[in-house]
Amino acid sequence: MAHTIINSTKAPAPIGPYSQATLANGILYVSGQIALDAESGNLTNDSIENETHKVMQNLKAILSEAGMDFSNVLKCSIFVKDLNNFGKINETYGSYFTSNPPARETVEVSRLPKDVNVEISCIATK
C-alpha cells in the first residue's frame, strides 16, 4: 500500500522514530501530539487548558499540511495523566469541534512523553 508522510514545520518534530502523520487511501493517521512548541521546543503546561489548546493547535497544523481541518476528523484518542482534569480538557477540546464532533475515547495513563498531562491523536479523511 502506498502512503505519504505528512510533516508540518508548524508542529513539533517527532521525538522518536515516527512521523507526524501518514496519509494512505485518503485517510490521515495523525500521531499523538503534546503541547510542545515547534519553534522554541518549550512545553506549554502552565494550565491544563493552555496545554490542551497547544495540543489542538499542533493537530491543526498537521491537518492543514494535509489539506484538512477539524471538520475532517473521524476519531480522536485522548490520553490524560489525571482524569480529574477531564472537564477542563473536554471543554477546551470541544471548542475545536463546533458541530458533528468525531468519535473519541479518553484514557487515563500513568505517564506520557516529557511528563505532559495530555496527548491527543486523530484519524481524518477528506
PDB file of N, CA and C in Angstrom:
ATOM      1  N   MET A   1       0.845  -1.169   0.000  1.00  0.00           N
ATOM      2  CA  MET A   1       0.000   0.000   0.000  1.00  0.00           C
ATOM      3  C   MET A   1       0.893   1.237   0.000  1.00  0.00           C
ATOM      4  N   ALA A   2       0.608   2.129  -0.914  1.00  0.00           N
ATOM      5  CA  ALA A   2       1.358   3.380  -0.983  1.00  0.00           C
ATOM      6  C   ALA A   2       0.830   4.340   0.076  1.00  0.00           C
ATOM      7  N   HIS A   3       1.745   5.068   0.686  1.00  0.00           N
ATOM      8  CA  HIS A   3       1.339   6.074   1.658  1.00  0.00           C
ATOM      9  C   HIS A   3       2.292   7.262   1.579  1.00  0.00           C
ATOM     10  N   THR A   4       1.812   8.391   2.075  1.00  0.00           N
ATOM     11  CA  THR A   4       2.579   9.627   2.055  1.00  0.00           C
ATOM     12  C   THR A   4       2.801  10.085   3.486  1.00  0.00           C
ATOM     13  N   ILE A   5       4.021  10.466   3.781  1.00  0.00           N
ATOM     14  CA  ILE A   5       4.351  11.016   5.098  1.00  0.00           C
ATOM     15  C   ILE A   5       4.011  12.504   5.086  1.00  0.00           C
ATOM     16  N   ILE A   6       3.305  12.958   6.115  1.00  0.00           N
ATOM     17  CA  ILE A   6       2.931  14.357   6.259  1.00  0.00           C
ATOM     18  C   ILE A   6       3.705  14.946   7.429  1.00  0.00           C
ATOM     19  N   ASN A   7       4.392  16.048   7.179  1.00  0.00           N
ATOM     20  CA  ASN A   7       5.119  16.759   8.230  1.00  0.00           C
ATOM     21  C   ASN A   7       4.862  18.244   8.082  1.00  0.00           C
ATOM     22  N   SER A   8       4.593  18.905   9.195  1.00  0.00           N
ATOM     23  CA  SER A   8       4.391  20.349   9.215  1.00  0.00           C
ATOM     24  C   SER A   8       5.466  20.989  10.071  1.00  0.00           C
ATOM     25  N   THR A   9       6.064  22.059   9.574  1.00  0.00           N
ATOM     26  CA  THR A   9       7.043  22.790  10.376  1.00  0.00           C
ATOM     27  C   THR A   9       6.359  23.602  11.477  1.00  0.00           C
ATOM     28  N   LYS A  10       5.021  23.706  11.404  1.00  0.00           N
ATOM     29  CA  LYS A  10       4.266  24.451  12.417  1.00  0.00           C
ATOM     30  C   LYS A  10       3.872  23.578  13.611  1.00  0.00           C
ATOM     31  N   ALA A  11       4.219  22.308  13.557  1.00  0.00           N
ATOM     32  CA  ALA A  11       4.008  21.375  14.665  1.00  0.00           C
ATOM     33  C   ALA A  11       5.376  20.835  15.067  1.00  0.00           C
ATOM     34  N   PRO A  12       5.521  20.390  16.299  1.00  0.00           N
ATOM     35  CA  PRO A  12       6.835  19.915  16.740  1.00  0.00           C
ATOM     36  C   PRO A  12       7.301  18.680  15.973  1.00  0.00           C
ATOM     37  N   ALA A  13       8.592  18.622  15.745  1.00  0.00           N
ATOM     38  CA  ALA A  13       9.179  17.451  15.095  1.00  0.00           C
ATOM     39  C   ALA A  13       9.000  16.239  16.009  1.00  0.00           C
ATOM     40  N   PRO A  14       8.856  15.060  15.438  1.00  0.00           N
ATOM     41  CA  PRO A  14       8.733  13.859  16.263  1.00  0.00           C
ATOM     42  C   PRO A  14       9.922  13.707  17.216  1.00  0.00           C
ATOM     43  N   ILE A  15       9.641  13.191  18.399  1.00  0.00           N
ATOM     44  CA  ILE A  15      10.705  12.996  19.389  1.00  0.00           C
ATOM     45  C   ILE A  15      11.137  11.529  19.441  1.00  0.00           C
ATOM     46  N   GLY A  16      10.785  10.791  18.400  1.00  0.00           N
ATOM     47  CA  GLY A  16      11.136   9.384  18.303  1.00  0.00           C
ATOM     48  C   GLY A  16      11.045   8.933  16.860  1.00  0.00           C
ATOM     49  N   PRO A  17      11.167   7.629  16.631  1.00  0.00           N
ATOM     50  CA  PRO A  17      11.130   7.102  15.260  1.00  0.00           C
ATOM     51  C   PRO A  17       9.703   6.946  14.735  1.00  0.00           C
ATOM     52  N   TYR A  18       9.056   8.064  14.474  1.00  0.00           N
ATOM     53  CA  TYR A  18       7.718   8.075  13.907  1.00  0.00           C
ATOM     54  C   TYR A  18       7.528   9.353  13.111  1.00  0.00           C
ATOM     55  N   SER A  19       6.480   9.408  12.313  1.00  0.00           N
ATOM     56  CA  SER A  19       6.146  10.593  11.523  1.00  0.00           C
ATOM     57  C   SER A  19       5.002  11.332  12.202  1.00  0.00           C
ATOM     58  N   GLN A  20       4.875  12.632  11.901  1.00  0.00           N
ATOM     59  CA  GLN A  20       3.737  13.383  12.437  1.00  0.00           C
ATOM     60  C   GLN A  20       2.429  12.765  11.970  1.00  0.00           C
ATOM     61  N   ALA A  21       2.383  12.373  10.694  1.00  0.00           N
ATOM     62  CA  ALA A  21       1.168  11.757  10.150  1.00  0.00           C
ATOM     63  C   ALA A  21       1.506  10.950   8.906  1.00  0.00           C
ATOM     64  N   THR A  22       0.610  10.027   8.603  1.00  0.00           N
ATOM     65  CA  THR A  22       0.710   9.207   7.404  1.00  0.00           C
ATOM     66  C   THR A  22      -0.637   9.241   6.694  1.00  0.00           C
ATOM     67  N   LEU A  23      -0.597   9.488   5.386  1.00  0.00           N
ATOM     68  CA  LEU A  23      -1.805   9.520   4.566  1.00  0.00           C
ATOM     69  C   LEU A  23      -1.816   8.287   3.672  1.00  0.00           C
ATOM     70  N   ALA A  24      -2.872   7.486   3.789  1.00  0.00           N
ATOM     71  CA  ALA A  24      -2.995   6.279   2.970  1.00  0.00           C
ATOM     72  C   ALA A  24      -4.453   6.108   2.572  1.00  0.00           C
ATOM     73  N   ASN A  25      -4.688   5.922   1.275  1.00  0.00           N
ATOM     74  CA  ASN A  25      -6.050   5.714   0.761  1.00  0.00           C
ATOM     75  C   ASN A  25      -7.025   6.782   1.248  1.00  0.00           C
ATOM     76  N   GLY A  26      -6.561   8.032   1.309  1.00  0.00           N
ATOM     77  CA  GLY A  26      -7.425   9.139   1.694  1.00  0.00           C
ATOM     78  C   GLY A  26      -7.658   9.288   3.187  1.00  0.00           C
ATOM     79  N   ILE A  27      -7.029   8.434   3.975  1.00  0.00           N
ATOM     80  CA  ILE A  27      -7.177   8.500   5.427  1.00  0.00           C
ATOM     81  C   ILE A  27      -5.874   8.986   6.038  1.00  0.00           C
ATOM     82  N   LEU A  28      -5.976  10.004   6.903  1.00  0.00           N
ATOM     83  CA  LEU A  28      -4.825  10.587   7.569  1.00  0.00           C
ATOM     84  C   LEU A  28      -4.761  10.084   9.000  1.00  0.00           C
ATOM     85  N   TYR A  29      -3.650   9.476   9.365  1.00  0.00           N
ATOM     86  CA  TYR A  29      -3.413   8.982  10.713  1.00  0.00           C
ATOM     87  C   TYR A  29      -2.402   9.919  11.362  1.00  0.00           C
ATOM     88  N   VAL A  30      -2.863  10.707  12.332  1.00  0.00           N
ATOM     89  CA  VAL A  30      -2.002  11.700  12.981  1.00  0.00           C
ATOM     90  C   VAL A  30      -1.497  11.145  14.301  1.00  0.00           C
ATOM     91  N   SER A  31      -0.176  11.158  14.456  1.00  0.00           N
ATOM     92  CA  SER A  31       0.439  10.686  15.696  1.00  0.00           C
ATOM     93  C   SER A  31       0.029  11.559  16.863  1.00  0.00           C
ATOM     94  N   GLY A  32       0.114  10.992  18.054  1.00  0.00           N
ATOM     95  CA  GLY A  32      -0.212  11.730  19.265  1.00  0.00           C
ATOM     96  C   GLY A  32       0.611  12.999  19.368  1.00  0.00           C
ATOM     97  N   GLN A  33      -0.069  14.093  19.704  1.00  0.00           N
ATOM     98  CA  GLN A  33       0.583  15.388  19.850  1.00  0.00           C
ATOM     99  C   GLN A  33       0.536  15.818  21.311  1.00  0.00           C
ATOM    100  N   ILE A  34       1.627  16.431  21.737  1.00  0.00           N
ATOM    101  CA  ILE A  34       1.707  17.003  23.073  1.00  0.00           C
ATOM    102  C   ILE A  34       1.868  18.509  22.919  1.00  0.00           C
ATOM    103  N   ALA A  35       1.907  19.216  24.021  1.00  0.00           N
ATOM    104  CA  ALA A  35       1.930  20.684  23.994  1.00  0.00           C
ATOM    105  C   ALA A  35       3.343  21.236  23.841  1.00  0.00           C
ATOM    106  N   LEU A  36       4.041  20.729  22.863  1.00  0.00           N
ATOM    107  CA  LEU A  36       5.402  21.170  22.565  1.00  0.00           C
ATOM    108  C   LEU A  36       5.341  22.235  21.483  1.00  0.00           C
ATOM    109  N   ASP A  37       6.013  23.360  21.712  1.00  0.00           N
ATOM    110  CA  ASP A  37       6.041  24.442  20.735  1.00  0.00           C
ATOM    111  C   ASP A  37       7.063  24.113  19.649  1.00  0.00           C
ATOM    112  N   ALA A  38       6.653  24.197  18.385  1.00  0.00           N
ATOM    113  CA  ALA A  38       7.519  23.836  17.256  1.00  0.00           C
ATOM    114  C   ALA A  38       8.725  24.752  17.134  1.00  0.00           C
ATOM    115  N   GLU A  39       8.552  26.024  17.421  1.00  0.00           N
ATOM    116  CA  GLU A  39       9.652  26.985  17.258  1.00  0.00           C
ATOM    117  C   GLU A  39      10.636  26.958  18.419  1.00  0.00           C
ATOM    118  N   SER A  40      10.130  27.042  19.637  1.00  0.00           N
ATOM    119  CA  SER A  40      11.011  27.154  20.803  1.00  0.00           C
ATOM    120  C   SER A  40      11.420  25.814  21.388  1.00  0.00           C
ATOM    121  N   GLY A  41      10.602  24.797  21.152  1.00  0.00           N
ATOM    122  CA  GLY A  41      10.865  23.499  21.762  1.00  0.00           C
ATOM    123  C   GLY A  41      10.401  23.433  23.215  1.00  0.00           C
ATOM    124  N   ASN A  42       9.759  24.501  23.697  1.00  0.00           N
ATOM    125  CA  ASN A  42       9.278  24.548  25.069  1.00  0.00           C
ATOM    126  C   ASN A  42       7.899  23.923  25.177  1.00  0.00           C
ATOM    127  N   LEU A  43       7.615  23.392  26.358  1.00  0.00           N
ATOM    128  CA  LEU A  43       6.290  22.865  26.642  1.00  0.00           C
ATOM    129  C   LEU A  43       5.371  23.988  27.105  1.00  0.00           C
ATOM    130  N   THR A  44       4.124  23.923  26.703  1.00  0.00           N
ATOM    131  CA  THR A  44       3.093  24.826  27.209  1.00  0.00           C
ATOM    132  C   THR A  44       2.322  24.035  28.256  1.00  0.00           C
ATOM    133  N   ASN A  45       2.643  24.247  29.512  1.00  0.00           N
ATOM    134  CA  ASN A  45       1.985  23.466  30.555  1.00  0.00           C
ATOM    135  C   ASN A  45       1.672  24.290  31.804  1.00  0.00           C
ATOM    136  N   ASP A  46       1.425  25.595  31.608  1.00  0.00           N
ATOM    137  CA  ASP A  46       1.101  26.459  32.741  1.00  0.00           C
ATOM    138  C   ASP A  46      -0.312  26.217  33.257  1.00  0.00           C
ATOM    139  N   SER A  47      -1.201  25.668  32.405  1.00  0.00           N
ATOM    140  CA  SER A  47      -2.540  25.252  32.827  1.00  0.00           C
ATOM    141  C   SER A  47      -2.980  24.130  31.908  1.00  0.00           C
ATOM    142  N   ILE A  48      -3.893  23.315  32.386  1.00  0.00           N
ATOM    143  CA  ILE A  48      -4.369  22.207  31.554  1.00  0.00           C
ATOM    144  C   ILE A  48      -5.115  22.726  30.334  1.00  0.00           C
ATOM    145  N   GLU A  49      -5.798  23.875  30.469  1.00  0.00           N
ATOM    146  CA  GLU A  49      -6.494  24.454  29.328  1.00  0.00           C
ATOM    147  C   GLU A  49      -5.500  24.909  28.262  1.00  0.00           C
ATOM    148  N   ASN A  50      -4.440  25.628  28.651  1.00  0.00           N
ATOM    149  CA  ASN A  50      -3.433  26.083  27.688  1.00  0.00           C
ATOM    150  C   ASN A  50      -2.682  24.905  27.079  1.00  0.00           C
ATOM    151  N   GLU A  51      -2.434  23.890  27.876  1.00  0.00           N
ATOM    152  CA  GLU A  51      -1.754  22.696  27.373  1.00  0.00           C
ATOM    153  C   GLU A  51      -2.623  22.025  26.300  1.00  0.00           C
ATOM    154  N   THR A  52      -3.912  21.902  26.574  1.00  0.00           N
ATOM    155  CA  THR A  52      -4.823  21.284  25.606  1.00  0.00           C
ATOM    156  C   THR A  52      -4.943  22.127  24.345  1.00  0.00           C
ATOM    157  N   HIS A  53      -5.017  23.452  24.496  1.00  0.00           N
ATOM    158  CA  HIS A  53      -5.062  24.330  23.313  1.00  0.00           C
ATOM    159  C   HIS A  53      -3.826  24.112  22.442  1.00  0.00           C
ATOM    160  N   LYS A  54      -2.652  24.026  23.054  1.00  0.00           N
ATOM    161  CA  LYS A  54      -1.421  23.842  22.274  1.00  0.00           C
ATOM    162  C   LYS A  54      -1.439  22.499  21.549  1.00  0.00           C
ATOM    163  N   VAL A  55      -1.912  21.466  22.213  1.00  0.00           N
ATOM    164  CA  VAL A  55      -2.030  20.154  21.564  1.00  0.00           C
ATOM    165  C   VAL A  55      -2.938  20.266  20.340  1.00  0.00           C
ATOM    166  N   MET A  56      -4.075  20.925  20.513  1.00  0.00           N
ATOM    167  CA  MET A  56      -5.030  21.067  19.413  1.00  0.00           C
ATOM    168  C   MET A  56      -4.448  21.918  18.283  1.00  0.00           C
ATOM    169  N   GLN A  57      -3.675  22.928  18.601  1.00  0.00           N
ATOM    170  CA  GLN A  57      -3.039  23.749  17.568  1.00  0.00           C
ATOM    171  C   GLN A  57      -2.008  22.921  16.789  1.00  0.00           C
ATOM    172  N   ASN A  58      -1.299  22.022  17.477  1.00  0.00           N
ATOM    173  CA  ASN A  58      -0.350  21.147  16.788  1.00  0.00           C
ATOM    174  C   ASN A  58      -1.087  20.189  15.850  1.00  0.00           C
ATOM    175  N   LEU A  59      -2.209  19.647  16.311  1.00  0.00           N
ATOM    176  CA  LEU A  59      -3.022  18.793  15.440  1.00  0.00           C
ATOM    177  C   LEU A  59      -3.520  19.586  14.233  1.00  0.00           C
ATOM    178  N   LYS A  60      -3.983  20.803  14.482  1.00  0.00           N
ATOM    179  CA  LYS A  60      -4.482  21.668  13.409  1.00  0.00           C
ATOM    180  C   LYS A  60      -3.414  21.912  12.346  1.00  0.00           C
ATOM    181  N   ALA A  61      -2.179  22.136  12.760  1.00  0.00           N
ATOM    182  CA  ALA A  61      -1.086  22.386  11.817  1.00  0.00           C
ATOM    183  C   ALA A  61      -0.837  21.173  10.926  1.00  0.00           C
ATOM    184  N   ILE A  62      -0.901  19.996  11.503  1.00  0.00           N
ATOM    185  CA  ILE A  62      -0.675  18.770  10.727  1.00  0.00           C
ATOM    186  C   ILE A  62      -1.845  18.512   9.787  1.00  0.00           C
ATOM    187  N   LEU A  63      -3.061  18.688  10.291  1.00  0.00           N
ATOM    188  CA  LEU A  63      -4.239  18.547   9.429  1.00  0.00           C
ATOM    189  C   LEU A  63      -4.154  19.514   8.253  1.00  0.00           C
ATOM    190  N   SER A  64      -3.782  20.745   8.513  1.00  0.00           N
ATOM    191  CA  SER A  64      -3.675  21.772   7.474  1.00  0.00           C
ATOM    192  C   SER A  64      -2.638  21.392   6.424  1.00  0.00           C
ATOM    193  N   GLU A  65      -1.530  20.853   6.867  1.00  0.00           N
ATOM    194  CA  GLU A  65      -0.473  20.421   5.940  1.00  0.00           C
ATOM    195  C   GLU A  65      -1.005  19.366   4.968  1.00  0.00           C
ATOM    196  N   ALA A  66      -1.982  18.588   5.418  1.00  0.00           N
ATOM    197  CA  ALA A  66      -2.585  17.546   4.582  1.00  0.00           C
ATOM    198  C   ALA A  66      -3.814  18.070   3.833  1.00  0.00           C
ATOM    199  N   GLY A  67      -4.084  19.383   3.943  1.00  0.00           N
ATOM    200  CA  GLY A  67      -5.234  19.964   3.258  1.00  0.00           C
ATOM    201  C   GLY A  67      -6.553  19.679   3.960  1.00  0.00           C
ATOM    202  N   MET A  68      -6.497  19.477   5.260  1.00  0.00           N
ATOM    203  CA  MET A  68      -7.684  19.161   6.040  1.00  0.00           C
ATOM    204  C   MET A  68      -7.812  20.119   7.216  1.00  0.00           C
ATOM    205  N   ASP A  69      -8.936  19.979   7.920  1.00  0.00           N
ATOM    206  CA  ASP A  69      -9.141  20.727   9.161  1.00  0.00           C
ATOM    207  C   ASP A  69      -9.938  19.845  10.116  1.00  0.00           C
ATOM    208  N   PHE A  70     -10.372  20.398  11.241  1.00  0.00           N
ATOM    209  CA  PHE A  70     -11.060  19.586  12.241  1.00  0.00           C
ATOM    210  C   PHE A  70     -12.377  18.995  11.737  1.00  0.00           C
ATOM    211  N   SER A  71     -12.964  19.573  10.707  1.00  0.00           N
ATOM    212  CA  SER A  71     -14.208  19.003  10.168  1.00  0.00           C
ATOM    213  C   SER A  71     -13.960  17.669   9.471  1.00  0.00           C
ATOM    214  N   ASN A  72     -12.704  17.361   9.154  1.00  0.00           N
ATOM    215  CA  ASN A  72     -12.350  16.105   8.500  1.00  0.00           C
ATOM    216  C   ASN A  72     -12.041  14.978   9.495  1.00  0.00           C
ATOM    217  N   VAL A  73     -11.987  15.308  10.772  1.00  0.00           N
ATOM    218  CA  VAL A  73     -11.588  14.327  11.780  1.00  0.00           C
ATOM    219  C   VAL A  73     -12.722  13.339  12.046  1.00  0.00           C
ATOM    220  N   LEU A  74     -12.374  12.055  11.962  1.00  0.00           N
ATOM    221  CA  LEU A  74     -13.322  10.972  12.217  1.00  0.00           C
ATOM    222  C   LEU A  74     -13.272  10.501  13.661  1.00  0.00           C
ATOM    223  N   LYS A  75     -12.060  10.493  14.244  1.00  0.00           N
ATOM    224  CA  LYS A  75     -11.882   9.917  15.571  1.00  0.00           C
ATOM    225  C   LYS A  75     -10.667  10.525  16.250  1.00  0.00           C
ATOM    226  N   CYS A  76     -10.773  10.748  17.537  1.00  0.00           N
ATOM    227  CA  CYS A  76      -9.638  11.204  18.348  1.00  0.00           C
ATOM    228  C   CYS A  76      -9.424  10.233  19.495  1.00  0.00           C
ATOM    229  N   SER A  77      -8.196  10.140  19.924  1.00  0.00           N
ATOM    230  CA  SER A  77      -7.844   9.401  21.133  1.00  0.00           C
ATOM    231  C   SER A  77      -7.163  10.390  22.063  1.00  0.00           C
ATOM    232  N   ILE A  78      -7.682  10.490  23.281  1.00  0.00           N
ATOM    233  CA  ILE A  78      -7.129  11.412  24.266  1.00  0.00           C
ATOM    234  C   ILE A  78      -6.543  10.590  25.407  1.00  0.00           C
ATOM    235  N   PHE A  79      -5.293  10.874  25.713  1.00  0.00           N
ATOM    236  CA  PHE A  79      -4.601  10.217  26.809  1.00  0.00           C
ATOM    237  C   PHE A  79      -4.299  11.278  27.857  1.00  0.00           C
ATOM    238  N   VAL A  80      -4.732  11.044  29.090  1.00  0.00           N
ATOM    239  CA  VAL A  80      -4.542  12.019  30.159  1.00  0.00           C
ATOM    240  C   VAL A  80      -3.856  11.366  31.342  1.00  0.00           C
ATOM    241  N   LYS A  81      -3.073  12.166  32.035  1.00  0.00           N
ATOM    242  CA  LYS A  81      -2.386  11.672  33.222  1.00  0.00           C
ATOM    243  C   LYS A  81      -3.312  11.646  34.433  1.00  0.00           C
ATOM    244  N   ASP A  82      -4.314  12.531  34.436  1.00  0.00           N
ATOM    245  CA  ASP A  82      -5.217  12.631  35.577  1.00  0.00           C
ATOM    246  C   ASP A  82      -6.633  12.926  35.083  1.00  0.00           C
ATOM    247  N   LEU A  83      -7.527  11.953  35.217  1.00  0.00           N
ATOM    248  CA  LEU A  83      -8.904  12.129  34.750  1.00  0.00           C
ATOM    249  C   LEU A  83      -9.651  13.211  35.523  1.00  0.00           C
ATOM    250  N   ASN A  84      -9.100  13.688  36.630  1.00  0.00           N
ATOM    251  CA  ASN A  84      -9.707  14.822  37.331  1.00  0.00           C
ATOM    252  C   ASN A  84      -9.662  16.084  36.475  1.00  0.00           C
ATOM    253  N   ASN A  85      -8.787  16.109  35.462  1.00  0.00           N
ATOM    254  CA  ASN A  85      -8.700  17.238  34.528  1.00  0.00           C
ATOM    255  C   ASN A  85      -9.646  17.085  33.343  1.00  0.00           C
ATOM    256  N   PHE A  86     -10.421  16.005  33.313  1.00  0.00           N
ATOM    257  CA  PHE A  86     -11.254  15.704  32.154  1.00  0.00           C
ATOM    258  C   PHE A  86     -12.189  16.854  31.776  1.00  0.00           C
ATOM    259  N   GLY A  87     -12.848  17.465  32.734  1.00  0.00           N
ATOM    260  CA  GLY A  87     -13.792  18.541  32.433  1.00  0.00           C
ATOM    261  C   GLY A  87     -13.138  19.703  31.715  1.00  0.00           C
ATOM    262  N   LYS A  88     -11.982  20.132  32.190  1.00  0.00           N
ATOM    263  CA  LYS A  88     -11.267  21.257  31.583  1.00  0.00           C
ATOM    264  C   LYS A  88     -10.724  20.874  30.205  1.00  0.00           C
ATOM    265  N   ILE A  89     -10.190  19.673  30.087  1.00  0.00           N
ATOM    266  CA  ILE A  89      -9.696  19.196  28.787  1.00  0.00           C
ATOM    267  C   ILE A  89     -10.854  19.096  27.802  1.00  0.00           C
ATOM    268  N   ASN A  90     -11.961  18.524  28.244  1.00  0.00           N
ATOM    269  CA  ASN A  90     -13.127  18.321  27.393  1.00  0.00           C
ATOM    270  C   ASN A  90     -13.685  19.647  26.891  1.00  0.00           C
ATOM    271  N   GLU A  91     -13.751  20.647  27.755  1.00  0.00           N
ATOM    272  CA  GLU A  91     -14.261  21.959  27.348  1.00  0.00           C
ATOM    273  C   GLU A  91     -13.357  22.596  26.298  1.00  0.00           C
ATOM    274  N   THR A  92     -12.059  22.537  26.521  1.00  0.00           N
ATOM    275  CA  THR A  92     -11.105  23.118  25.567  1.00  0.00           C
ATOM    276  C   THR A  92     -11.140  22.347  24.251  1.00  0.00           C
ATOM    277  N   TYR A  93     -11.060  21.037  24.318  1.00  0.00           N
ATOM    278  CA  TYR A  93     -11.114  20.176  23.141  1.00  0.00           C
ATOM    279  C   TYR A  93     -12.401  20.449  22.342  1.00  0.00           C
ATOM    280  N   GLY A  94     -13.516  20.528  23.041  1.00  0.00           N
ATOM    281  CA  GLY A  94     -14.811  20.726  22.397  1.00  0.00           C
ATOM    282  C   GLY A  94     -14.922  22.020  21.617  1.00  0.00           C
ATOM    283  N   SER A  95     -14.145  23.028  21.993  1.00  0.00           N
ATOM    284  CA  SER A  95     -14.199  24.308  21.289  1.00  0.00           C
ATOM    285  C   SER A  95     -13.653  24.206  19.865  1.00  0.00           C
ATOM    286  N   TYR A  96     -12.962  23.133  19.551  1.00  0.00           N
ATOM    287  CA  TYR A  96     -12.412  22.922  18.198  1.00  0.00           C
ATOM    288  C   TYR A  96     -13.372  22.145  17.300  1.00  0.00           C
ATOM    289  N   PHE A  97     -14.433  21.603  17.886  1.00  0.00           N
ATOM    290  CA  PHE A  97     -15.415  20.841  17.120  1.00  0.00           C
ATOM    291  C   PHE A  97     -16.783  21.480  17.352  1.00  0.00           C
ATOM    292  N   THR A  98     -17.103  22.480  16.527  1.00  0.00           N
ATOM    293  CA  THR A  98     -18.323  23.258  16.735  1.00  0.00           C
ATOM    294  C   THR A  98     -19.586  22.516  16.301  1.00  0.00           C
ATOM    295  N   SER A  99     -19.456  21.547  15.414  1.00  0.00           N
ATOM    296  CA  SER A  99     -20.595  20.716  15.032  1.00  0.00           C
ATOM    297  C   SER A  99     -20.089  19.340  14.631  1.00  0.00           C
ATOM    298  N   ASN A 100     -20.930  18.355  14.784  1.00  0.00           N
ATOM    299  CA  ASN A 100     -20.603  16.973  14.409  1.00  0.00           C
ATOM    300  C   ASN A 100     -19.240  16.525  14.939  1.00  0.00           C
ATOM    301  N   PRO A 101     -19.063  16.496  16.260  1.00  0.00           N
ATOM    302  CA  PRO A 101     -17.775  16.064  16.799  1.00  0.00           C
ATOM    303  C   PRO A 101     -17.466  14.612  16.418  1.00  0.00           C
ATOM    304  N   PRO A 102     -16.188  14.277  16.335  1.00  0.00           N
ATOM    305  CA  PRO A 102     -15.800  12.922  15.941  1.00  0.00           C
ATOM    306  C   PRO A 102     -16.002  11.921  17.074  1.00  0.00           C
ATOM    307  N   ALA A 103     -15.880  10.665  16.738  1.00  0.00           N
ATOM    308  CA  ALA A 103     -15.833   9.607  17.750  1.00  0.00           C
ATOM    309  C   ALA A 103     -14.573   9.826  18.588  1.00  0.00           C
ATOM    310  N   ARG A 104     -14.584   9.281  19.801  1.00  0.00           N
ATOM    311  CA  ARG A 104     -13.447   9.565  20.679  1.00  0.00           C
ATOM    312  C   ARG A 104     -13.417   8.595  21.849  1.00  0.00           C
ATOM    313  N   GLU A 105     -12.212   8.393  22.373  1.00  0.00           N
ATOM    314  CA  GLU A 105     -12.069   7.761  23.671  1.00  0.00           C
ATOM    315  C   GLU A 105     -11.094   8.602  24.484  1.00  0.00           C
ATOM    316  N   THR A 106     -11.272   8.552  25.782  1.00  0.00           N
ATOM    317  CA  THR A 106     -10.371   9.246  26.701  1.00  0.00           C
ATOM    318  C   THR A 106      -9.892   8.212  27.705  1.00  0.00           C
ATOM    319  N   VAL A 107      -8.578   8.108  27.858  1.00  0.00           N
ATOM    320  CA  VAL A 107      -7.992   7.076  28.693  1.00  0.00           C
ATOM    321  C   VAL A 107      -6.993   7.711  29.656  1.00  0.00           C
ATOM    322  N   GLU A 108      -7.092   7.346  30.922  1.00  0.00           N
ATOM    323  CA  GLU A 108      -6.090   7.797  31.894  1.00  0.00           C
ATOM    324  C   GLU A 108      -4.902   6.838  31.820  1.00  0.00           C
ATOM    325  N   VAL A 109      -3.717   7.422  31.781  1.00  0.00           N
ATOM    326  CA  VAL A 109      -2.482   6.643  31.710  1.00  0.00           C
ATOM    327  C   VAL A 109      -1.548   7.081  32.829  1.00  0.00           C
ATOM    328  N   SER A 110      -0.572   6.253  33.143  1.00  0.00           N
ATOM    329  CA  SER A 110       0.316   6.583  34.258  1.00  0.00           C
ATOM    330  C   SER A 110       1.383   7.609  33.892  1.00  0.00           C
ATOM    331  N   ARG A 111       1.751   7.642  32.617  1.00  0.00           N
ATOM    332  CA  ARG A 111       2.808   8.585  32.217  1.00  0.00           C
ATOM    333  C   ARG A 111       2.730   8.835  30.723  1.00  0.00           C
ATOM    334  N   LEU A 112       3.102  10.071  30.316  1.00  0.00           N
ATOM    335  CA  LEU A 112       3.119  10.457  28.912  1.00  0.00           C
ATOM    336  C   LEU A 112       4.493  11.030  28.568  1.00  0.00           C
ATOM    337  N   PRO A 113       4.835  11.105  27.268  1.00  0.00           N
ATOM    338  CA  PRO A 113       6.141  11.662  26.878  1.00  0.00           C
ATOM    339  C   PRO A 113       6.379  13.041  27.493  1.00  0.00           C
ATOM    340  N   LYS A 114       7.601  13.266  27.936  1.00  0.00           N
ATOM    341  CA  LYS A 114       8.029  14.535  28.536  1.00  0.00           C
ATOM    342  C   LYS A 114       7.181  14.904  29.756  1.00  0.00           C
ATOM    343  N   ASP A 115       6.539  13.897  30.342  1.00  0.00           N
ATOM    344  CA  ASP A 115       5.708  14.066  31.540  1.00  0.00           C
ATOM    345  C   ASP A 115       4.596  15.092  31.369  1.00  0.00           C
ATOM    346  N   VAL A 116       4.040  15.195  30.142  1.00  0.00           N
ATOM    347  CA  VAL A 116       2.922  16.105  29.897  1.00  0.00           C
ATOM    348  C   VAL A 116       1.658  15.551  30.546  1.00  0.00           C
ATOM    349  N   ASN A 117       0.610  16.354  30.553  1.00  0.00           N
ATOM    350  CA  ASN A 117      -0.656  15.959  31.159  1.00  0.00           C
ATOM    351  C   ASN A 117      -1.669  15.419  30.167  1.00  0.00           C
ATOM    352  N   VAL A 118      -1.478  15.741  28.871  1.00  0.00           N
ATOM    353  CA  VAL A 118      -2.434  15.312  27.857  1.00  0.00           C
ATOM    354  C   VAL A 118      -1.729  15.088  26.516  1.00  0.00           C
ATOM    355  N   GLU A 119      -2.160  14.060  25.806  1.00  0.00           N
ATOM    356  CA  GLU A 119      -1.693  13.763  24.448  1.00  0.00           C
ATOM    357  C   GLU A 119      -2.925  13.364  23.643  1.00  0.00           C
ATOM    358  N   ILE A 120      -3.024  13.870  22.407  1.00  0.00           N
ATOM    359  CA  ILE A 120      -4.169  13.581  21.561  1.00  0.00           C
ATOM    360  C   ILE A 120      -3.695  13.164  20.165  1.00  0.00           C
ATOM    361  N   SER A 121      -4.282  12.116  19.645  1.00  0.00           N
ATOM    362  CA  SER A 121      -4.042  11.703  18.263  1.00  0.00           C
ATOM    363  C   SER A 121      -5.388  11.708  17.544  1.00  0.00           C
ATOM    364  N   CYS A 122      -5.347  11.642  16.208  1.00  0.00           N
ATOM    365  CA  CYS A 122      -6.613  11.619  15.473  1.00  0.00           C
ATOM    366  C   CYS A 122      -6.470  10.898  14.142  1.00  0.00           C
ATOM    367  N   ILE A 123      -7.629  10.566  13.592  1.00  0.00           N
ATOM    368  CA  ILE A 123      -7.741   9.984  12.263  1.00  0.00           C
ATOM    369  C   ILE A 123      -8.710  10.859  11.495  1.00  0.00           C
ATOM    370  N   ALA A 124      -8.325  11.241  10.265  1.00  0.00           N
ATOM    371  CA  ALA A 124      -9.155  12.142   9.462  1.00  0.00           C
ATOM    372  C   ALA A 124      -9.229  11.639   8.025  1.00  0.00           C
ATOM    373  N   THR A 125     -10.218  12.138   7.292  1.00  0.00           N
ATOM    374  CA  THR A 125     -10.359  11.803   5.881  1.00  0.00           C
ATOM    375  C   THR A 125     -10.987  12.982   5.154  1.00  0.00           C
ATOM    376  N   LYS A 126     -10.703  13.068   3.859  1.00  0.00           N
ATOM    377  CA  LYS A 126     -11.308  14.134   3.052  1.00  0.00           C
ATOM    378  C   LYS A 126     -12.669  13.719   2.587  1.00  0.00           C
TER     379      LYS A 126
END
